[in-house]
Amino acid sequence: MRMLINVPETVVADALRGMAAAHPELTVDVDNRVVMRRDAPVAGKVALISGGGSGHEPLHAGFVGRGMLSAACPGEVFTSPVPDQMVRAAAAVDSGAGVLFVVKNYTGDVLNFEMAAELAEDEGVQVAKVLVNDDVAVTDSLFTAGRRGTGATLFVEKIAGAAADEGAPLERVAAVARQVNEASRSFGVALSSVTTPAKGSPTFDLPPGELELGIGIHGEPGRERRPMMTSREIADFAVHAVLDDLQPTSPVLVLVNGMGATPLLELYGFNAEVQRVLSERHVSVARTLVGNYVTSLDMAGCSVTLCQLDEELLRLWDAPVETPALRWGR
């Protein structure tokens, strides 16, 4: 397998050095694996910190900046960051207004963020946590107890980040984050396996002409494997699965997300089918975002995330944001 790397052992460090060179508005601590807003801590502002295994870029470091995260902690590929990273990040970005940890529901992430919260509180940092568990595909997986955290992580970080930038207190920012998670559902599909730098070959067997419905962002199995389907058929399956669980009664925010190796040409075509299903189900769409945002290295595939909005959540979604991967309104 051809990969644009030096050696597997330095993939994350090399990427962080490249990120630092491209984004002088960020502070990138390569050795300690922390990416921060250069202007942090911001006086009176609640800080948002997230993190997880590398390989899902731009999640999370690509969402550090005004209107979203204060800091991100990248782990090794598909491996949780360690508590020391999170504690170091919390100490660096806390203004005294407190810190919100945004945690995807994977066992390693949950355990390490819990430990980090205890350590940070011992050092005088007020910490709140929100768990993202939006995936409707399966109840338990290889990496989780309960539903996996996937595309809704972007929604939580953006909307709660906007609330924090407006000066909302920690309790309110955490409540907004939990509301977004509870109002969001996702479903993913794999058209190919994923290749990690350490392994150098596909991590699971997906024969040509087949796809996996309900895949996780680390290549975890989904609901079932089927012969290849058309974009229309995939949209029918995925969107109905989300809607049957979410049952929205107000307009939704839509994320049509690529898993890393699916071209935008195909993603926009898939979005047309997603919008068709939503129209057929009489679901009003407030905003749509299409692109590679919560990825799985070189996996071909897609995911759909819907978030049921009220006026306040929509206002916070539309608020200005300025990060490497998401920016508008400035």
C-alpha atoms as a PDB file:
ATOM      1  CA  MET A   1       0.000   0.000   0.000  1.00  0.00           C
ATOM      2  CA  ARG A   2       1.462   3.378  -1.031  1.00  0.00           C
ATOM      3  CA  MET A   3       1.215   6.055   1.655  1.00  0.00           C
ATOM      4  CA  LEU A   4       2.517   9.630   1.697  1.00  0.00           C
ATOM      5  CA  ILE A   5       4.462   9.258   4.940  1.00  0.00           C
ATOM      6  CA  ASN A   6       8.017   8.938   6.216  1.00  0.00           C
ATOM      7  CA  VAL A   7       7.646   6.115   8.730  1.00  0.00           C
ATOM      8  CA  PRO A   8       4.520   5.019  10.629  1.00  0.00           C
ATOM      9  CA  GLU A   9       6.044   5.968  13.979  1.00  0.00           C
ATOM     10  CA  THR A  10       6.205   9.700  13.124  1.00  0.00           C
ATOM     11  CA  VAL A  11       2.941  10.155  11.208  1.00  0.00           C
ATOM     12  CA  VAL A  12       1.171  12.170  13.910  1.00  0.00           C
ATOM     13  CA  ALA A  13       4.182  14.324  14.807  1.00  0.00           C
ATOM     14  CA  ASP A  14       4.867  15.048  11.126  1.00  0.00           C
ATOM     15  CA  ALA A  15       1.251  16.075  10.599  1.00  0.00           C
ATOM     16  CA  LEU A  16       1.325  18.381  13.618  1.00  0.00           C
ATOM     17  CA  ARG A  17       4.505  20.060  12.367  1.00  0.00           C
ATOM     18  CA  GLY A  18       2.828  20.612   9.028  1.00  0.00           C
ATOM     19  CA  MET A  19      -0.266  22.005  10.709  1.00  0.00           C
ATOM     20  CA  ALA A  20       1.845  24.444  12.714  1.00  0.00           C
ATOM     21  CA  ALA A  21       3.514  25.690   9.543  1.00  0.00           C
ATOM     22  CA  ALA A  22       0.180  26.176   7.773  1.00  0.00           C
ATOM     23  CA  HIS A  23      -1.737  27.799  10.646  1.00  0.00           C
ATOM     24  CA  PRO A  24       0.202  30.434  12.615  1.00  0.00           C
ATOM     25  CA  GLU A  25      -3.067  31.391  14.331  1.00  0.00           C
ATOM     26  CA  LEU A  26      -2.706  28.149  16.311  1.00  0.00           C
ATOM     27  CA  THR A  27      -0.197  27.077  18.927  1.00  0.00           C
ATOM     28  CA  VAL A  28       0.870  23.504  18.155  1.00  0.00           C
ATOM     29  CA  ASP A  29       2.826  21.669  20.836  1.00  0.00           C
ATOM     30  CA  VAL A  30       4.192  18.765  18.811  1.00  0.00           C
ATOM     31  CA  ASP A  31       5.987  17.034  21.682  1.00  0.00           C
ATOM     32  CA  ASN A  32       3.023  17.128  24.066  1.00  0.00           C
ATOM     33  CA  ARG A  33       0.374  16.636  21.363  1.00  0.00           C
ATOM     34  CA  VAL A  34      -1.805  19.681  22.082  1.00  0.00           C
ATOM     35  CA  VAL A  35      -3.241  22.128  19.512  1.00  0.00           C
ATOM     36  CA  MET A  36      -4.559  25.441  20.905  1.00  0.00           C
ATOM     37  CA  ARG A  37      -5.910  28.800  19.873  1.00  0.00           C
ATOM     38  CA  ARG A  38      -2.955  31.158  19.939  1.00  0.00           C
ATOM     39  CA  ASP A  39      -5.008  33.749  21.843  1.00  0.00           C
ATOM     40  CA  ALA A  40      -6.035  31.283  24.593  1.00  0.00           C
ATOM     41  CA  PRO A  41      -6.955  31.694  27.342  1.00  0.00           C
ATOM     42  CA  VAL A  42      -9.636  34.243  26.430  1.00  0.00           C
ATOM     43  CA  ALA A  43     -10.705  36.229  29.484  1.00  0.00           C
ATOM     44  CA  GLY A  44     -14.140  35.264  30.804  1.00  0.00           C
ATOM     45  CA  LYS A  45     -14.701  32.598  28.147  1.00  0.00           C
ATOM     46  CA  VAL A  46     -15.490  28.938  28.763  1.00  0.00           C
ATOM     47  CA  ALA A  47     -12.896  26.772  27.012  1.00  0.00           C
ATOM     48  CA  LEU A  48     -13.884  23.787  24.863  1.00  0.00           C
ATOM     49  CA  ILE A  49     -11.484  20.859  24.573  1.00  0.00           C
ATOM     50  CA  SER A  50     -11.906  17.715  22.545  1.00  0.00           C
ATOM     51  CA  GLY A  51      -9.656  15.032  21.176  1.00  0.00           C
ATOM     52  CA  GLY A  52      -9.371  11.468  20.035  1.00  0.00           C
ATOM     53  CA  GLY A  53      -7.303   9.199  17.887  1.00  0.00           C
ATOM     54  CA  SER A  54      -5.659  10.704  14.822  1.00  0.00           C
ATOM     55  CA  GLY A  55      -6.879   9.599  11.415  1.00  0.00           C
ATOM     56  CA  HIS A  56     -10.235  11.411  11.545  1.00  0.00           C
ATOM     57  CA  GLU A  57      -8.985  14.775  10.279  1.00  0.00           C
ATOM     58  CA  PRO A  58     -10.020  17.524  10.282  1.00  0.00           C
ATOM     59  CA  LEU A  59     -11.615  16.261  13.532  1.00  0.00           C
ATOM     60  CA  HIS A  60     -10.478  17.543  16.048  1.00  0.00           C
ATOM     61  CA  ALA A  61      -7.479  19.826  15.542  1.00  0.00           C
ATOM     62  CA  GLY A  62      -8.984  21.292  12.374  1.00  0.00           C
ATOM     63  CA  PHE A  63     -11.822  22.704  14.468  1.00  0.00           C
ATOM     64  CA  VAL A  64      -9.634  24.700  16.874  1.00  0.00           C
ATOM     65  CA  GLY A  65     -10.257  28.429  16.599  1.00  0.00           C
ATOM     66  CA  ARG A  66     -12.760  31.188  17.135  1.00  0.00           C
ATOM     67  CA  GLY A  67     -16.282  29.885  17.483  1.00  0.00           C
ATOM     68  CA  MET A  68     -15.309  26.256  18.093  1.00  0.00           C
ATOM     69  CA  LEU A  69     -12.630  24.518  20.156  1.00  0.00           C
ATOM     70  CA  SER A  70     -10.081  26.174  22.387  1.00  0.00           C
ATOM     71  CA  ALA A  71      -7.809  23.127  22.187  1.00  0.00           C
ATOM     72  CA  ALA A  72      -7.604  19.611  20.787  1.00  0.00           C
ATOM     73  CA  CYS A  73      -5.604  16.591  21.915  1.00  0.00           C
ATOM     74  CA  PRO A  74      -4.657  14.182  19.089  1.00  0.00           C
ATOM     75  CA  GLY A  75      -3.761  10.628  20.052  1.00  0.00           C
ATOM     76  CA  GLU A  76      -1.924   8.093  17.963  1.00  0.00           C
ATOM     77  CA  VAL A  77      -3.855   6.779  14.965  1.00  0.00           C
ATOM     78  CA  PHE A  78      -7.222   5.434  16.172  1.00  0.00           C
ATOM     79  CA  THR A  79      -5.948   5.602  19.761  1.00  0.00           C
ATOM     80  CA  SER A  80      -7.251   7.808  22.552  1.00  0.00           C
ATOM     81  CA  PRO A  81      -5.102  10.677  23.781  1.00  0.00           C
ATOM     82  CA  VAL A  82      -3.771  10.263  27.289  1.00  0.00           C
ATOM     83  CA  PRO A  83      -5.000  12.190  30.350  1.00  0.00           C
ATOM     84  CA  ASP A  84      -1.771  14.208  30.610  1.00  0.00           C
ATOM     85  CA  GLN A  85      -2.534  15.791  27.218  1.00  0.00           C
ATOM     86  CA  MET A  86      -5.998  16.858  28.312  1.00  0.00           C
ATOM     87  CA  VAL A  87      -4.850  18.186  31.672  1.00  0.00           C
ATOM     88  CA  ARG A  88      -2.096  20.185  29.988  1.00  0.00           C
ATOM     89  CA  ALA A  89      -4.596  21.578  27.483  1.00  0.00           C
ATOM     90  CA  ALA A  90      -7.094  22.469  30.210  1.00  0.00           C
ATOM     91  CA  ALA A  91      -4.476  24.332  32.237  1.00  0.00           C
ATOM     92  CA  ALA A  92      -3.328  26.242  29.158  1.00  0.00           C
ATOM     93  CA  VAL A  93      -6.743  27.440  27.916  1.00  0.00           C
ATOM     94  CA  ASP A  94      -8.755  27.855  31.130  1.00  0.00           C
ATOM     95  CA  SER A  95      -9.496  31.529  31.820  1.00  0.00           C
ATOM     96  CA  GLY A  96     -11.144  30.753  35.147  1.00  0.00           C
ATOM     97  CA  ALA A  97     -14.574  30.335  33.526  1.00  0.00           C
ATOM     98  CA  GLY A  98     -14.211  26.553  33.299  1.00  0.00           C
ATOM     99  CA  VAL A  99     -13.610  23.918  30.641  1.00  0.00           C
ATOM    100  CA  LEU A 100     -16.007  21.693  28.699  1.00  0.00           C
ATOM    101  CA  PHE A 101     -14.663  18.330  27.547  1.00  0.00           C
ATOM    102  CA  VAL A 102     -16.380  17.061  24.374  1.00  0.00           C
ATOM    103  CA  VAL A 103     -15.947  13.276  24.363  1.00  0.00           C
ATOM    104  CA  LYS A 104     -16.917  10.796  21.651  1.00  0.00           C
ATOM    105  CA  ASN A 105     -18.348   7.583  23.079  1.00  0.00           C
ATOM    106  CA  TYR A 106     -15.413   5.227  22.706  1.00  0.00           C
ATOM    107  CA  THR A 107     -14.194   3.333  25.748  1.00  0.00           C
ATOM    108  CA  GLY A 108     -10.635   4.664  25.703  1.00  0.00           C
ATOM    109  CA  ASP A 109     -11.740   8.262  25.178  1.00  0.00           C
ATOM    110  CA  VAL A 110     -14.335   8.062  27.952  1.00  0.00           C
ATOM    111  CA  LEU A 111     -11.948   6.563  30.515  1.00  0.00           C
ATOM    112  CA  ASN A 112      -9.088   8.934  29.743  1.00  0.00           C
ATOM    113  CA  PHE A 113     -11.242  12.067  29.687  1.00  0.00           C
ATOM    114  CA  GLU A 114     -12.837  11.024  32.995  1.00  0.00           C
ATOM    115  CA  MET A 115      -9.399  10.666  34.561  1.00  0.00           C
ATOM    116  CA  ALA A 116      -8.282  13.974  33.035  1.00  0.00           C
ATOM    117  CA  ALA A 117     -11.347  15.750  34.442  1.00  0.00           C
ATOM    118  CA  GLU A 118     -10.509  14.519  37.946  1.00  0.00           C
ATOM    119  CA  LEU A 119      -6.864  15.579  37.621  1.00  0.00           C
ATOM    120  CA  ALA A 120      -7.771  18.997  36.216  1.00  0.00           C
ATOM    121  CA  GLU A 121     -10.271  19.607  39.009  1.00  0.00           C
ATOM    122  CA  ASP A 122      -7.565  18.714  41.523  1.00  0.00           C
ATOM    123  CA  GLU A 123      -5.566  21.558  39.975  1.00  0.00           C
ATOM    124  CA  GLY A 124      -8.454  23.996  40.407  1.00  0.00           C
ATOM    125  CA  VAL A 125      -9.993  23.846  36.910  1.00  0.00           C
ATOM    126  CA  GLN A 126     -13.779  23.582  36.810  1.00  0.00           C
ATOM    127  CA  VAL A 127     -14.680  20.861  34.297  1.00  0.00           C
ATOM    128  CA  ALA A 128     -17.921  19.746  32.668  1.00  0.00           C
ATOM    129  CA  LYS A 129     -18.237  16.876  30.188  1.00  0.00           C
ATOM    130  CA  VAL A 130     -20.573  15.978  27.332  1.00  0.00           C
ATOM    131  CA  LEU A 131     -20.637  12.538  25.709  1.00  0.00           C
ATOM    132  CA  VAL A 132     -21.403  12.333  21.984  1.00  0.00           C
ATOM    133  CA  ASN A 133     -23.265   9.131  21.051  1.00  0.00           C
ATOM    134  CA  ASP A 134     -25.215   9.817  17.875  1.00  0.00           C
ATOM    135  CA  ASP A 135     -24.700   6.676  15.760  1.00  0.00           C
ATOM    136  CA  VAL A 136     -27.943   4.751  15.229  1.00  0.00           C
ATOM    137  CA  ALA A 137     -26.341   1.859  13.353  1.00  0.00           C
ATOM    138  CA  VAL A 138     -25.577  -0.390  16.325  1.00  0.00           C
ATOM    139  CA  THR A 139     -26.121  -0.313  20.081  1.00  0.00           C
ATOM    140  CA  ASP A 140     -22.687  -1.670  21.043  1.00  0.00           C
ATOM    141  CA  SER A 141     -19.523  -2.084  18.984  1.00  0.00           C
ATOM    142  CA  LEU A 142     -15.924  -3.223  19.241  1.00  0.00           C
ATOM    143  CA  PHE A 143     -14.948   0.136  20.774  1.00  0.00           C
ATOM    144  CA  THR A 144     -18.015   1.170  22.799  1.00  0.00           C
ATOM    145  CA  ALA A 145     -20.657   0.383  25.325  1.00  0.00           C
ATOM    146  CA  GLY A 146     -23.684   2.087  23.834  1.00  0.00           C
ATOM    147  CA  ARG A 147     -23.866   4.119  20.652  1.00  0.00           C
ATOM    148  CA  ARG A 148     -20.726   5.422  18.972  1.00  0.00           C
ATOM    149  CA  GLY A 149     -19.884   9.091  18.685  1.00  0.00           C
ATOM    150  CA  THR A 150     -19.537  10.209  15.071  1.00  0.00           C
ATOM    151  CA  GLY A 151     -20.675  13.147  12.914  1.00  0.00           C
ATOM    152  CA  ALA A 152     -22.644  14.954  15.620  1.00  0.00           C
ATOM    153  CA  THR A 153     -19.296  15.781  17.239  1.00  0.00           C
ATOM    154  CA  LEU A 154     -18.901  18.545  14.668  1.00  0.00           C
ATOM    155  CA  PHE A 155     -22.356  19.933  15.496  1.00  0.00           C
ATOM    156  CA  VAL A 156     -21.652  19.865  19.238  1.00  0.00           C
ATOM    157  CA  GLU A 157     -18.281  21.582  18.868  1.00  0.00           C
ATOM    158  CA  LYS A 158     -19.630  24.292  16.548  1.00  0.00           C
ATOM    159  CA  ILE A 159     -22.834  25.140  18.387  1.00  0.00           C
ATOM    160  CA  ALA A 160     -21.477  24.889  21.931  1.00  0.00           C
ATOM    161  CA  GLY A 161     -18.376  26.740  20.768  1.00  0.00           C
ATOM    162  CA  ALA A 162     -20.536  29.618  19.563  1.00  0.00           C
ATOM    163  CA  ALA A 163     -22.310  29.753  22.925  1.00  0.00           C
ATOM    164  CA  ALA A 164     -18.951  29.879  24.695  1.00  0.00           C
ATOM    165  CA  ASP A 165     -17.707  32.672  22.428  1.00  0.00           C
ATOM    166  CA  GLU A 166     -20.790  34.699  23.340  1.00  0.00           C
ATOM    167  CA  GLY A 167     -19.803  34.482  27.006  1.00  0.00           C
ATOM    168  CA  ALA A 168     -22.303  31.866  28.194  1.00  0.00           C
ATOM    169  CA  PRO A 169     -21.356  30.281  31.546  1.00  0.00           C
ATOM    170  CA  LEU A 170     -20.088  26.701  31.756  1.00  0.00           C
ATOM    171  CA  GLU A 171     -23.429  25.272  32.858  1.00  0.00           C
ATOM    172  CA  ARG A 172     -25.160  26.813  29.831  1.00  0.00           C
ATOM    173  CA  VAL A 173     -22.458  25.786  27.346  1.00  0.00           C
ATOM    174  CA  ALA A 174     -22.644  22.199  28.626  1.00  0.00           C
ATOM    175  CA  ALA A 175     -26.446  22.218  28.409  1.00  0.00           C
ATOM    176  CA  VAL A 176     -26.309  23.415  24.791  1.00  0.00           C
ATOM    177  CA  ALA A 177     -23.783  20.696  23.941  1.00  0.00           C
ATOM    178  CA  ARG A 178     -26.001  17.998  25.467  1.00  0.00           C
ATOM    179  CA  GLN A 179     -29.072  19.364  23.671  1.00  0.00           C
ATOM    180  CA  VAL A 180     -27.266  19.157  20.332  1.00  0.00           C
ATOM    181  CA  ASN A 181     -26.148  15.591  20.990  1.00  0.00           C
ATOM    182  CA  GLU A 182     -29.631  14.491  22.035  1.00  0.00           C
ATOM    183  CA  ALA A 183     -31.101  16.094  18.913  1.00  0.00           C
ATOM    184  CA  SER A 184     -28.609  14.408  16.533  1.00  0.00           C
ATOM    185  CA  ARG A 185     -28.402  11.022  14.826  1.00  0.00           C
ATOM    186  CA  SER A 186     -25.928   9.535  12.321  1.00  0.00           C
ATOM    187  CA  PHE A 187     -25.476   6.549  10.017  1.00  0.00           C
ATOM    188  CA  GLY A 188     -22.323   5.605   8.085  1.00  0.00           C
ATOM    189  CA  VAL A 189     -21.545   3.402   5.094  1.00  0.00           C
ATOM    190  CA  ALA A 190     -18.194   1.928   4.000  1.00  0.00           C
ATOM    191  CA  LEU A 191     -17.402   1.233   0.356  1.00  0.00           C
ATOM    192  CA  SER A 192     -13.857   0.095   1.161  1.00  0.00           C
ATOM    193  CA  SER A 193     -11.747  -0.841   4.150  1.00  0.00           C
ATOM    194  CA  VAL A 194      -9.391   1.512   5.987  1.00  0.00           C
ATOM    195  CA  THR A 195      -5.596   1.258   5.974  1.00  0.00           C
ATOM    196  CA  THR A 196      -3.660   2.364   9.054  1.00  0.00           C
ATOM    197  CA  PRO A 197      -0.005   3.456   8.685  1.00  0.00           C
ATOM    198  CA  ALA A 198       1.148   0.833  11.187  1.00  0.00           C
ATOM    199  CA  LYS A 199      -0.531  -2.068   9.387  1.00  0.00           C
ATOM    200  CA  GLY A 200      -0.043  -0.840   5.833  1.00  0.00           C
ATOM    201  CA  SER A 201      -2.882  -2.985   4.526  1.00  0.00           C
ATOM    202  CA  PRO A 202      -6.693  -3.015   4.866  1.00  0.00           C
ATOM    203  CA  THR A 203      -7.827  -3.586   8.453  1.00  0.00           C
ATOM    204  CA  PHE A 204     -10.883  -5.616   7.476  1.00  0.00           C
ATOM    205  CA  ASP A 205     -11.984  -7.623   4.477  1.00  0.00           C
ATOM    206  CA  LEU A 206     -14.565  -5.950   2.261  1.00  0.00           C
ATOM    207  CA  PRO A 207     -14.626  -7.767  -1.063  1.00  0.00           C
ATOM    208  CA  PRO A 208     -15.040  -5.786  -4.298  1.00  0.00           C
ATOM    209  CA  GLY A 209     -18.683  -5.264  -5.103  1.00  0.00           C
ATOM    210  CA  GLU A 210     -19.818  -5.205  -1.457  1.00  0.00           C
ATOM    211  CA  LEU A 211     -20.430  -2.482   1.128  1.00  0.00           C
ATOM    212  CA  GLU A 212     -20.908  -2.321   4.891  1.00  0.00           C
ATOM    213  CA  LEU A 213     -24.026  -0.552   6.171  1.00  0.00           C
ATOM    214  CA  GLY A 214     -23.605   1.147   9.541  1.00  0.00           C
ATOM    215  CA  ILE A 215     -19.814   1.203   9.694  1.00  0.00           C
ATOM    216  CA  GLY A 216     -17.978   2.976  12.516  1.00  0.00           C
ATOM    217  CA  ILE A 217     -15.238   5.556  12.015  1.00  0.00           C
ATOM    218  CA  HIS A 218     -12.529   3.026  12.959  1.00  0.00           C
ATOM    219  CA  GLY A 219     -13.838   0.397  10.585  1.00  0.00           C
ATOM    220  CA  GLU A 220     -16.068  -1.306  13.150  1.00  0.00           C
ATOM    221  CA  PRO A 221     -18.732  -3.600  11.680  1.00  0.00           C
ATOM    222  CA  GLY A 222     -22.179  -2.213  11.010  1.00  0.00           C
ATOM    223  CA  ARG A 223     -25.654  -3.664  10.689  1.00  0.00           C
ATOM    224  CA  GLU A 224     -25.101  -5.785   7.613  1.00  0.00           C
ATOM    225  CA  ARG A 225     -23.053  -6.318   4.475  1.00  0.00           C
ATOM    226  CA  ARG A 226     -24.717  -6.141   1.057  1.00  0.00           C
ATOM    227  CA  PRO A 227     -23.830  -6.157  -2.627  1.00  0.00           C
ATOM    228  CA  MET A 228     -22.924  -2.683  -3.885  1.00  0.00           C
ATOM    229  CA  MET A 229     -25.901  -0.304  -3.980  1.00  0.00           C
ATOM    230  CA  THR A 230     -26.552   2.893  -5.907  1.00  0.00           C
ATOM    231  CA  SER A 231     -26.296   6.299  -4.270  1.00  0.00           C
ATOM    232  CA  ARG A 232     -30.091   6.448  -4.295  1.00  0.00           C
ATOM    233  CA  GLU A 233     -30.418   3.098  -2.538  1.00  0.00           C
ATOM    234  CA  ILE A 234     -27.804   3.979   0.087  1.00  0.00           C
ATOM    235  CA  ALA A 235     -29.553   7.273   0.836  1.00  0.00           C
ATOM    236  CA  ASP A 236     -32.875   5.483   1.214  1.00  0.00           C
ATOM    237  CA  PHE A 237     -31.374   3.049   3.731  1.00  0.00           C
ATOM    238  CA  ALA A 238     -29.249   5.507   5.713  1.00  0.00           C
ATOM    239  CA  VAL A 239     -31.658   8.435   5.934  1.00  0.00           C
ATOM    240  CA  HIS A 240     -34.635   6.257   6.838  1.00  0.00           C
ATOM    241  CA  ALA A 241     -32.540   4.656   9.595  1.00  0.00           C
ATOM    242  CA  VAL A 242     -31.756   8.106  11.020  1.00  0.00           C
ATOM    243  CA  LEU A 243     -35.278   9.476  10.654  1.00  0.00           C
ATOM    244  CA  ASP A 244     -36.939   6.417  12.168  1.00  0.00           C
ATOM    245  CA  ASP A 245     -34.854   6.978  15.296  1.00  0.00           C
ATOM    246  CA  LEU A 246     -34.824  10.785  15.431  1.00  0.00           C
ATOM    247  CA  GLN A 247     -38.407  11.481  14.252  1.00  0.00           C
ATOM    248  CA  PRO A 248     -37.821  15.222  13.841  1.00  0.00           C
ATOM    249  CA  THR A 249     -40.705  17.676  14.198  1.00  0.00           C
ATOM    250  CA  SER A 250     -38.704  20.813  13.327  1.00  0.00           C
ATOM    251  CA  PRO A 251     -36.139  21.738  10.626  1.00  0.00           C
ATOM    252  CA  VAL A 252     -32.881  19.810  10.593  1.00  0.00           C
ATOM    253  CA  LEU A 253     -29.221  20.537  10.079  1.00  0.00           C
ATOM    254  CA  VAL A 254     -27.708  18.059   7.596  1.00  0.00           C
ATOM    255  CA  LEU A 255     -24.124  16.826   7.401  1.00  0.00           C
ATOM    256  CA  VAL A 256     -23.233  14.698   4.379  1.00  0.00           C
ATOM    257  CA  ASN A 257     -19.765  13.567   5.375  1.00  0.00           C
ATOM    258  CA  GLY A 258     -17.058  11.752   3.450  1.00  0.00           C
ATOM    259  CA  MET A 259     -14.975   9.080   5.150  1.00  0.00           C
ATOM    260  CA  GLY A 260     -11.734  10.242   3.551  1.00  0.00           C
ATOM    261  CA  ALA A 261     -11.515   8.747   0.057  1.00  0.00           C
ATOM    262  CA  THR A 262     -14.854   9.640  -1.529  1.00  0.00           C
ATOM    263  CA  PRO A 263     -14.644  12.569  -3.989  1.00  0.00           C
ATOM    264  CA  LEU A 264     -16.807  15.642  -3.523  1.00  0.00           C
ATOM    265  CA  LEU A 265     -18.394  14.903  -6.905  1.00  0.00           C
ATOM    266  CA  GLU A 266     -19.866  11.752  -5.388  1.00  0.00           C
ATOM    267  CA  LEU A 267     -20.707  13.376  -2.056  1.00  0.00           C
ATOM    268  CA  TYR A 268     -22.707  16.142  -3.699  1.00  0.00           C
ATOM    269  CA  GLY A 269     -24.524  13.552  -5.806  1.00  0.00           C
ATOM    270  CA  PHE A 270     -25.259  11.608  -2.635  1.00  0.00           C
ATOM    271  CA  ASN A 271     -26.499  14.798  -0.982  1.00  0.00           C
ATOM    272  CA  ALA A 272     -29.044  15.176  -3.770  1.00  0.00           C
ATOM    273  CA  GLU A 273     -30.408  11.761  -2.832  1.00  0.00           C
ATOM    274  CA  VAL A 274     -30.364  12.589   0.891  1.00  0.00           C
ATOM    275  CA  GLN A 275     -32.363  15.745   0.214  1.00  0.00           C
ATOM    276  CA  ARG A 276     -34.817  13.725  -1.892  1.00  0.00           C
ATOM    277  CA  VAL A 277     -35.505  11.318   0.972  1.00  0.00           C
ATOM    278  CA  LEU A 278     -35.926  14.165   3.449  1.00  0.00           C
ATOM    279  CA  SER A 279     -38.414  15.840   1.109  1.00  0.00           C
ATOM    280  CA  GLU A 280     -40.329  12.594   0.679  1.00  0.00           C
ATOM    281  CA  ARG A 281     -40.507  12.273   4.458  1.00  0.00           C
ATOM    282  CA  HIS A 282     -41.657  15.926   4.738  1.00  0.00           C
ATOM    283  CA  VAL A 283     -38.602  16.959   6.753  1.00  0.00           C
ATOM    284  CA  SER A 284     -37.624  20.607   6.394  1.00  0.00           C
ATOM    285  CA  VAL A 285     -33.895  21.331   5.940  1.00  0.00           C
ATOM    286  CA  ALA A 286     -32.462  24.472   7.547  1.00  0.00           C
ATOM    287  CA  ARG A 287     -28.771  24.103   6.585  1.00  0.00           C
ATOM    288  CA  THR A 288     -26.587  21.537   4.797  1.00  0.00           C
ATOM    289  CA  LEU A 289     -22.847  20.907   5.052  1.00  0.00           C
ATOM    290  CA  VAL A 290     -21.115  18.595   2.550  1.00  0.00           C
ATOM    291  CA  GLY A 291     -17.494  17.465   2.748  1.00  0.00           C
ATOM    292  CA  ASN A 292     -14.869  15.371   4.515  1.00  0.00           C
ATOM    293  CA  TYR A 293     -15.112  16.392   8.175  1.00  0.00           C
ATOM    294  CA  VAL A 294     -15.168  13.220  10.320  1.00  0.00           C
ATOM    295  CA  THR A 295     -13.041  10.796   8.363  1.00  0.00           C
ATOM    296  CA  SER A 296     -11.445   7.372   8.653  1.00  0.00           C
ATOM    297  CA  LEU A 297      -8.061   7.746   6.933  1.00  0.00           C
ATOM    298  CA  ASP A 298      -8.441   6.365   3.376  1.00  0.00           C
ATOM    299  CA  MET A 299     -11.848   4.714   3.732  1.00  0.00           C
ATOM    300  CA  ALA A 300     -14.245   5.227   0.840  1.00  0.00           C
ATOM    301  CA  GLY A 301     -17.751   5.845   2.086  1.00  0.00           C
ATOM    302  CA  CYS A 302     -20.019   8.411   3.632  1.00  0.00           C
ATOM    303  CA  SER A 303     -22.155   9.219   6.625  1.00  0.00           C
ATOM    304  CA  VAL A 304     -25.313  11.231   7.190  1.00  0.00           C
ATOM    305  CA  THR A 305     -25.932  13.229  10.362  1.00  0.00           C
ATOM    306  CA  LEU A 306     -29.149  15.106  11.139  1.00  0.00           C
ATOM    307  CA  CYS A 307     -29.703  17.506  14.034  1.00  0.00           C
ATOM    308  CA  GLN A 308     -33.166  18.753  14.911  1.00  0.00           C
ATOM    309  CA  LEU A 309     -32.941  22.517  15.420  1.00  0.00           C
ATOM    310  CA  ASP A 310     -34.755  25.199  17.325  1.00  0.00           C
ATOM    311  CA  GLU A 311     -34.242  28.916  16.663  1.00  0.00           C
ATOM    312  CA  GLU A 312     -31.444  29.234  19.220  1.00  0.00           C
ATOM    313  CA  LEU A 313     -29.456  26.255  17.913  1.00  0.00           C
ATOM    314  CA  LEU A 314     -29.781  27.549  14.350  1.00  0.00           C
ATOM    315  CA  ARG A 315     -28.602  31.005  15.433  1.00  0.00           C
ATOM    316  CA  LEU A 316     -25.556  29.473  17.130  1.00  0.00           C
ATOM    317  CA  TRP A 317     -24.809  27.312  14.078  1.00  0.00           C
ATOM    318  CA  ASP A 318     -24.845  30.427  11.875  1.00  0.00           C
ATOM    319  CA  ALA A 319     -22.594  32.375  14.270  1.00  0.00           C
ATOM    320  CA  PRO A 320     -19.104  33.268  12.958  1.00  0.00           C
ATOM    321  CA  VAL A 321     -16.461  30.557  13.036  1.00  0.00           C
ATOM    322  CA  GLU A 322     -12.793  30.674  12.060  1.00  0.00           C
ATOM    323  CA  THR A 323     -10.884  27.393  12.161  1.00  0.00           C
ATOM    324  CA  PRO A 324      -8.638  25.573   9.661  1.00  0.00           C
ATOM    325  CA  ALA A 325     -11.527  23.377   8.469  1.00  0.00           C
ATOM    326  CA  LEU A 326     -14.654  25.433   9.077  1.00  0.00           C
ATOM    327  CA  ARG A 327     -15.050  29.169   8.620  1.00  0.00           C
ATOM    328  CA  TRP A 328     -17.808  31.615   7.826  1.00  0.00           C
ATOM    329  CA  GLY A 329     -19.249  34.923   8.993  1.00  0.00           C
ATOM    330  CA  ARG A 330     -16.014  36.900   9.390  1.00  0.00           C
END
